[in-house]
Amino acid sequence: MAKIVECVPNISEGRNNQIIEAVIDEVRAVKGVTLVDYSSNASHNRTVITFFGSPEGVEEAAVAVARKAAELIDLTKHTGEHPRMGAVDVIPFIPIKEVNMEECVALSRKVAKRVWEEAGMPVFLYEASASSPNRENLATIRKGQFEGMAEKVKEPEWEPDFGGRKIHPTAGVVAVGARMPLVAFNINLSTSDVQIASKIAKIIRRSSGGLDCVKALGVMLEERNTAQVSINMTDFNRTPLYRVVELVKAEAARYGVHVIGTEIVGLTPMRALIDSAEYYLQIEDFDFDKQVIENYIL
């Protein structure tokens, strides 16, 4: 059976459609790769791109995205709510079919070397590909963002895995690695006070003693005048989406605020949504394997 790898590059551009399409055209041009989704957010000033393909095709597409992003995106002129350190900020590889994590780690290292050589962006390996435990967490690597990265890479413990101690002057640095499927999940609040979103994010995220496998920050959606809790669920099996929603609701109520909607960015595993449907519908004795039609089709 064919090997299938998923790749989800995040580029630091969510407003200029000409640049976004030019980067995505690089994916469209690679044989053996299928572009399945891309989602731009103007407030975050970020676009999440998702494509599937053979390991060889995905490698070519990922490197092409990095080259084009480094060419077109200038972080010295970039503003946005989402933290970022590179024109292409992160390039994760996810095993989907007939591929294991070790193969994705090997693929990530090949791509990291090529991104440095062909796009001129120094690379940090992260998650399962990390060269040391302190580099597993993307937020730890990204701390300081683009503006502070030139000094950060001079520190003994923060030399990039590829590229040395000098960042690309306009494209910065990038994190490349292998990981399990992640759910990018945002919760919008009935307030324009971003401090409330930030306080809630601090309560729910794992690094502050909150829920396991949850990363979160408070951001402002300027076009909607709405505060948002922006979340990455790194393992929905350990912490389901509905548990995060219910905790955010409870904490928001302290400030007289309620949840007005949620967002899924990019693709998400069906299991993550079924878990929440089972919870909110209070389905008794539900069997995911036997009672979901798509499981039989797939």
Protein backbone atom coordinates (compact mmCIF):
# COMPACT_ATOMS: atom_id res chain seq x y z
CA MET A 1 0.00 0.00 0.00
CA ALA A 2 1.11 3.59 -0.66
CA LYS A 3 2.80 5.56 2.07
CA ILE A 4 1.03 8.80 2.98
CA VAL A 5 2.49 11.66 5.01
CA GLU A 6 0.68 14.85 6.05
CA CYS A 7 2.52 18.17 6.17
CA VAL A 8 1.10 21.35 7.75
CA PRO A 9 3.39 24.35 7.16
CA ASN A 10 2.38 27.62 8.80
CA ILE A 11 3.49 30.76 6.95
CA SER A 12 3.60 34.23 8.50
CA GLU A 13 1.22 35.85 6.04
CA GLY A 14 -2.55 35.99 6.36
CA ARG A 15 -3.46 39.24 4.64
CA ASN A 16 -1.76 39.48 1.25
CA ASN A 17 -3.59 37.03 -1.02
CA GLN A 18 -1.03 37.41 -3.79
CA ILE A 19 1.76 36.17 -1.52
CA ILE A 20 -0.41 33.43 -0.01
CA GLU A 21 -1.38 32.08 -3.42
CA ALA A 22 2.20 32.25 -4.69
CA VAL A 23 3.35 30.08 -1.79
CA ILE A 24 0.47 27.64 -2.18
CA ASP A 25 1.14 27.37 -5.92
CA GLU A 26 4.44 25.75 -4.97
CA VAL A 27 2.45 22.89 -3.41
CA ARG A 28 0.08 22.62 -6.35
CA ALA A 29 3.02 22.19 -8.71
CA VAL A 30 4.47 19.09 -7.02
CA LYS A 31 3.47 15.68 -8.37
CA GLY A 32 2.46 13.11 -5.80
CA VAL A 33 1.06 15.76 -3.46
CA THR A 34 -2.55 16.80 -2.83
CA LEU A 35 -3.37 20.22 -1.38
CA VAL A 36 -6.32 19.55 0.90
CA ASP A 37 -6.79 22.80 2.82
CA TYR A 38 -5.43 26.25 3.56
CA SER A 39 -6.80 28.72 6.04
CA SER A 40 -5.73 32.36 6.50
CA ASN A 41 -6.38 34.59 9.50
CA ALA A 42 -5.83 38.32 9.08
CA SER A 43 -5.60 39.07 12.81
CA HIS A 44 -3.06 36.30 13.32
CA ASN A 45 -1.45 37.29 9.99
CA ARG A 46 -0.83 33.61 9.38
CA THR A 47 -1.87 30.89 6.94
CA VAL A 48 -2.04 27.19 7.76
CA ILE A 49 -1.47 24.94 4.74
CA THR A 50 -2.28 21.22 4.72
CA PHE A 51 -1.21 18.71 2.10
CA PHE A 52 -0.83 14.94 1.82
CA GLY A 53 1.39 12.81 -0.34
CA SER A 54 4.21 10.37 -0.70
CA PRO A 55 7.26 11.05 1.49
CA GLU A 56 9.19 12.12 -1.61
CA GLY A 57 6.47 14.46 -2.83
CA VAL A 58 5.87 15.97 0.58
CA GLU A 59 9.59 16.61 0.94
CA GLU A 60 9.70 18.56 -2.32
CA ALA A 61 6.57 20.56 -1.52
CA ALA A 62 7.75 21.48 1.98
CA VAL A 63 11.11 22.73 0.73
CA ALA A 64 9.40 24.66 -2.07
CA VAL A 65 7.08 26.37 0.44
CA ALA A 66 10.09 27.38 2.55
CA ARG A 67 11.95 28.79 -0.46
CA LYS A 68 9.00 30.85 -1.66
CA ALA A 69 8.05 32.08 1.82
CA ALA A 70 11.63 33.19 2.48
CA GLU A 71 11.63 35.01 -0.86
CA LEU A 72 8.32 36.85 -0.42
CA ILE A 73 7.72 37.39 3.31
CA ASP A 74 9.62 40.09 5.20
CA LEU A 75 9.26 39.74 8.96
CA THR A 76 10.85 43.12 9.59
CA LYS A 77 7.53 44.52 8.31
CA HIS A 78 5.27 41.85 9.81
CA THR A 79 2.69 42.39 12.54
CA GLY A 80 0.09 39.97 13.87
CA GLU A 81 -1.43 38.43 16.95
CA HIS A 82 0.17 35.01 16.55
CA PRO A 83 3.75 34.49 17.79
CA ARG A 84 6.21 33.86 14.92
CA MET A 85 9.91 33.50 14.31
CA GLY A 86 10.03 32.67 10.60
CA ALA A 87 8.49 33.48 7.21
CA VAL A 88 7.54 29.83 7.23
CA ASP A 89 7.24 29.42 10.98
CA VAL A 90 6.84 25.69 11.44
CA ILE A 91 6.89 22.61 9.19
CA PRO A 92 5.50 19.48 10.87
CA PHE A 93 5.28 16.00 9.35
CA ILE A 94 2.55 13.60 10.51
CA PRO A 95 2.38 9.86 9.76
CA ILE A 96 -0.96 8.99 8.15
CA LYS A 97 -0.77 5.65 6.33
CA GLU A 98 1.89 2.95 6.11
CA VAL A 99 4.39 5.38 7.64
CA ASN A 100 5.69 5.37 11.22
CA MET A 101 6.99 8.20 13.38
CA GLU A 102 10.61 7.20 12.88
CA GLU A 103 10.22 7.64 9.11
CA CYS A 104 8.69 11.08 9.62
CA VAL A 105 11.58 12.04 11.89
CA ALA A 106 14.04 11.00 9.18
CA LEU A 107 12.03 12.97 6.61
CA SER A 108 12.00 16.06 8.82
CA ARG A 109 15.78 15.98 9.12
CA LYS A 110 16.20 15.73 5.34
CA VAL A 111 13.86 18.68 4.84
CA ALA A 112 15.56 20.70 7.58
CA LYS A 113 18.93 20.34 5.88
CA ARG A 114 17.50 21.33 2.52
CA VAL A 115 15.59 24.33 3.95
CA TRP A 116 18.86 25.70 5.28
CA GLU A 117 20.72 25.00 2.06
CA GLU A 118 18.03 26.17 -0.38
CA ALA A 119 16.04 28.82 1.52
CA GLY A 120 18.81 30.15 3.78
CA MET A 121 16.69 29.80 6.93
CA PRO A 122 18.35 28.25 9.99
CA VAL A 123 16.33 25.33 11.39
CA PHE A 124 15.43 24.05 14.84
CA LEU A 125 14.27 20.43 15.04
CA TYR A 126 11.30 20.03 17.39
CA GLU A 127 8.78 17.53 18.83
CA ALA A 128 9.77 13.93 18.00
CA SER A 129 12.68 15.20 15.89
CA ALA A 130 14.17 17.36 18.67
CA SER A 131 17.92 17.06 19.25
CA SER A 132 17.49 17.75 22.97
CA PRO A 133 14.57 17.71 25.45
CA ASN A 134 14.43 21.52 25.74
CA ARG A 135 13.67 21.73 22.02
CA GLU A 136 10.63 19.48 21.96
CA ASN A 137 8.20 22.30 22.77
CA LEU A 138 7.65 24.72 19.89
CA ALA A 139 6.69 27.56 22.23
CA THR A 140 10.04 27.27 24.02
CA ILE A 141 11.94 27.45 20.75
CA ARG A 142 9.86 30.38 19.50
CA LYS A 143 10.20 32.42 22.71
CA GLY A 144 11.64 35.81 21.82
CA GLN A 145 10.08 35.62 18.36
CA PHE A 146 11.70 37.03 15.24
CA GLU A 147 12.75 40.26 16.94
CA GLY A 148 14.73 38.45 19.64
CA MET A 149 15.99 35.48 17.63
CA ALA A 150 19.22 37.07 16.35
CA GLU A 151 20.46 37.32 19.94
CA LYS A 152 18.90 34.05 21.09
CA VAL A 153 20.80 31.91 18.56
CA LYS A 154 24.08 33.27 19.96
CA GLU A 155 23.36 31.61 23.31
CA PRO A 156 25.24 28.29 23.73
CA GLU A 157 22.07 26.23 24.19
CA TRP A 158 20.20 27.79 21.28
CA GLU A 159 22.35 27.28 18.23
CA PRO A 160 20.03 26.03 15.46
CA ASP A 161 20.39 22.40 14.38
CA PHE A 162 21.10 23.61 10.84
CA GLY A 163 22.46 26.99 9.77
CA GLY A 164 24.71 28.30 12.51
CA ARG A 165 24.24 31.34 14.72
CA LYS A 166 22.99 33.92 12.21
CA ILE A 167 19.33 34.17 11.23
CA HIS A 168 17.95 35.00 7.80
CA PRO A 169 17.65 38.83 7.90
CA THR A 170 14.03 38.95 6.71
CA ALA A 171 12.78 35.35 6.95
CA GLY A 172 14.12 34.46 10.39
CA VAL A 173 14.29 30.81 11.46
CA VAL A 174 11.94 27.82 11.20
CA ALA A 175 11.03 24.80 13.31
CA VAL A 176 10.85 21.46 11.46
CA GLY A 177 9.78 18.20 13.06
CA ALA A 178 7.55 15.17 13.28
CA ARG A 179 4.48 14.88 15.50
CA MET A 180 1.13 13.21 15.91
CA PRO A 181 -2.04 14.91 14.57
CA LEU A 182 -2.75 18.23 16.27
CA VAL A 183 -6.09 20.01 16.53
CA ALA A 184 -5.88 23.79 16.06
CA PHE A 185 -8.93 24.89 18.02
CA ASN A 186 -9.99 28.47 18.79
CA ILE A 187 -12.68 29.69 21.17
CA ASN A 188 -14.22 33.12 20.63
CA LEU A 189 -15.54 35.14 23.57
CA SER A 190 -18.28 37.75 23.98
CA THR A 191 -15.79 40.48 24.85
CA SER A 192 -13.23 42.73 23.21
CA ASP A 193 -11.00 42.56 26.29
CA VAL A 194 -8.04 40.44 25.21
CA GLN A 195 -6.77 40.35 28.79
CA ILE A 196 -9.69 38.11 29.72
CA ALA A 197 -8.76 35.71 26.91
CA SER A 198 -5.13 35.76 28.08
CA LYS A 199 -6.10 34.99 31.68
CA ILE A 200 -8.27 32.07 30.55
CA ALA A 201 -5.50 30.79 28.28
CA LYS A 202 -3.07 30.79 31.19
CA ILE A 203 -5.48 28.75 33.31
CA ILE A 204 -6.13 26.05 30.70
CA ARG A 205 -2.65 25.54 29.22
CA ARG A 206 -0.42 22.75 30.44
CA SER A 207 2.66 24.93 30.96
CA SER A 208 0.78 26.94 33.61
CA GLY A 209 -0.56 23.86 35.39
CA GLY A 210 -3.72 23.46 33.33
CA LEU A 211 -4.97 20.68 31.09
CA ASP A 212 -2.62 18.08 29.69
CA CYS A 213 -1.62 18.47 26.02
CA VAL A 214 -3.11 21.98 25.75
CA LYS A 215 -1.23 25.05 24.52
CA ALA A 216 -3.12 28.34 24.56
CA LEU A 217 -2.81 32.10 24.33
CA GLY A 218 -5.19 35.02 24.22
CA VAL A 219 -5.39 36.99 20.97
CA MET A 220 -7.52 39.78 19.54
CA LEU A 221 -9.52 39.34 16.33
CA GLU A 222 -9.43 42.94 15.15
CA GLU A 223 -11.81 42.44 12.22
CA ARG A 224 -14.49 41.12 14.61
CA ASN A 225 -13.52 43.15 17.71
CA THR A 226 -13.53 39.84 19.57
CA ALA A 227 -11.12 38.28 22.05
CA GLN A 228 -10.12 34.70 21.33
CA VAL A 229 -8.52 31.86 23.21
CA SER A 230 -6.27 30.32 20.53
CA ILE A 231 -5.48 26.68 21.32
CA ASN A 232 -3.34 23.84 20.05
CA MET A 233 -4.50 20.42 21.24
CA THR A 234 -1.42 18.23 20.92
CA ASP A 235 -3.19 14.99 21.92
CA PHE A 236 -6.99 15.04 21.85
CA ASN A 237 -7.05 11.46 23.18
CA ARG A 238 -5.65 12.65 26.51
CA THR A 239 -7.62 15.90 26.68
CA PRO A 240 -10.78 16.00 24.52
CA LEU A 241 -12.09 19.20 22.97
CA TYR A 242 -15.29 19.27 25.02
CA ARG A 243 -13.29 19.37 28.27
CA VAL A 244 -11.47 22.46 27.07
CA VAL A 245 -14.72 24.13 26.01
CA GLU A 246 -16.37 23.47 29.36
CA LEU A 247 -13.39 24.80 31.33
CA VAL A 248 -13.24 27.94 29.17
CA LYS A 249 -16.99 28.46 29.71
CA ALA A 250 -16.58 28.17 33.47
CA GLU A 251 -13.64 30.57 33.60
CA ALA A 252 -15.30 33.06 31.22
CA ALA A 253 -18.37 33.18 33.45
CA ARG A 254 -16.21 34.69 36.21
CA TYR A 255 -15.89 37.80 34.06
CA GLY A 256 -19.50 37.89 32.88
CA VAL A 257 -18.39 36.58 29.48
CA HIS A 258 -19.61 33.61 27.43
CA VAL A 259 -18.44 31.57 24.46
CA ILE A 260 -19.92 32.83 21.17
CA GLY A 261 -18.34 30.26 18.87
CA THR A 262 -15.41 27.99 18.18
CA GLU A 263 -13.17 27.37 15.16
CA ILE A 264 -11.27 24.42 13.79
CA VAL A 265 -8.26 25.56 11.74
CA GLY A 266 -7.26 23.15 9.01
CA LEU A 267 -8.06 19.45 9.16
CA THR A 268 -8.84 17.45 12.28
CA PRO A 269 -9.23 13.75 13.03
CA MET A 270 -12.85 12.55 12.96
CA ARG A 271 -12.37 10.93 16.37
CA ALA A 272 -11.77 14.34 17.99
CA LEU A 273 -15.18 15.60 16.84
CA ILE A 274 -17.04 12.36 17.54
CA ASP A 275 -15.81 12.43 21.14
CA SER A 276 -17.45 15.83 21.64
CA ALA A 277 -20.66 14.76 19.87
CA GLU A 278 -20.86 11.72 22.14
CA TYR A 279 -20.38 13.93 25.20
CA TYR A 280 -22.87 16.69 24.33
CA LEU A 281 -25.53 14.31 22.96
CA GLN A 282 -25.08 12.07 26.02
CA ILE A 283 -25.09 8.98 23.82
CA GLU A 284 -25.16 5.83 25.91
CA ASP A 285 -22.97 2.83 25.03
CA PHE A 286 -21.72 4.49 21.85
CA ASP A 287 -19.29 2.41 19.78
CA PHE A 288 -17.15 4.58 17.50
CA ASP A 289 -15.91 1.63 15.44
CA LYS A 290 -19.36 0.12 14.79
CA GLN A 291 -21.75 3.10 14.71
CA VAL A 292 -20.00 5.60 12.41
CA ILE A 293 -20.79 4.93 8.74
CA GLU A 294 -17.55 6.51 7.50
CA ASN A 295 -15.52 3.94 9.41
CA TYR A 296 -16.96 1.22 7.17
CA ILE A 297 -16.47 3.26 3.99
CA LEU A 298 -12.87 4.14 4.83
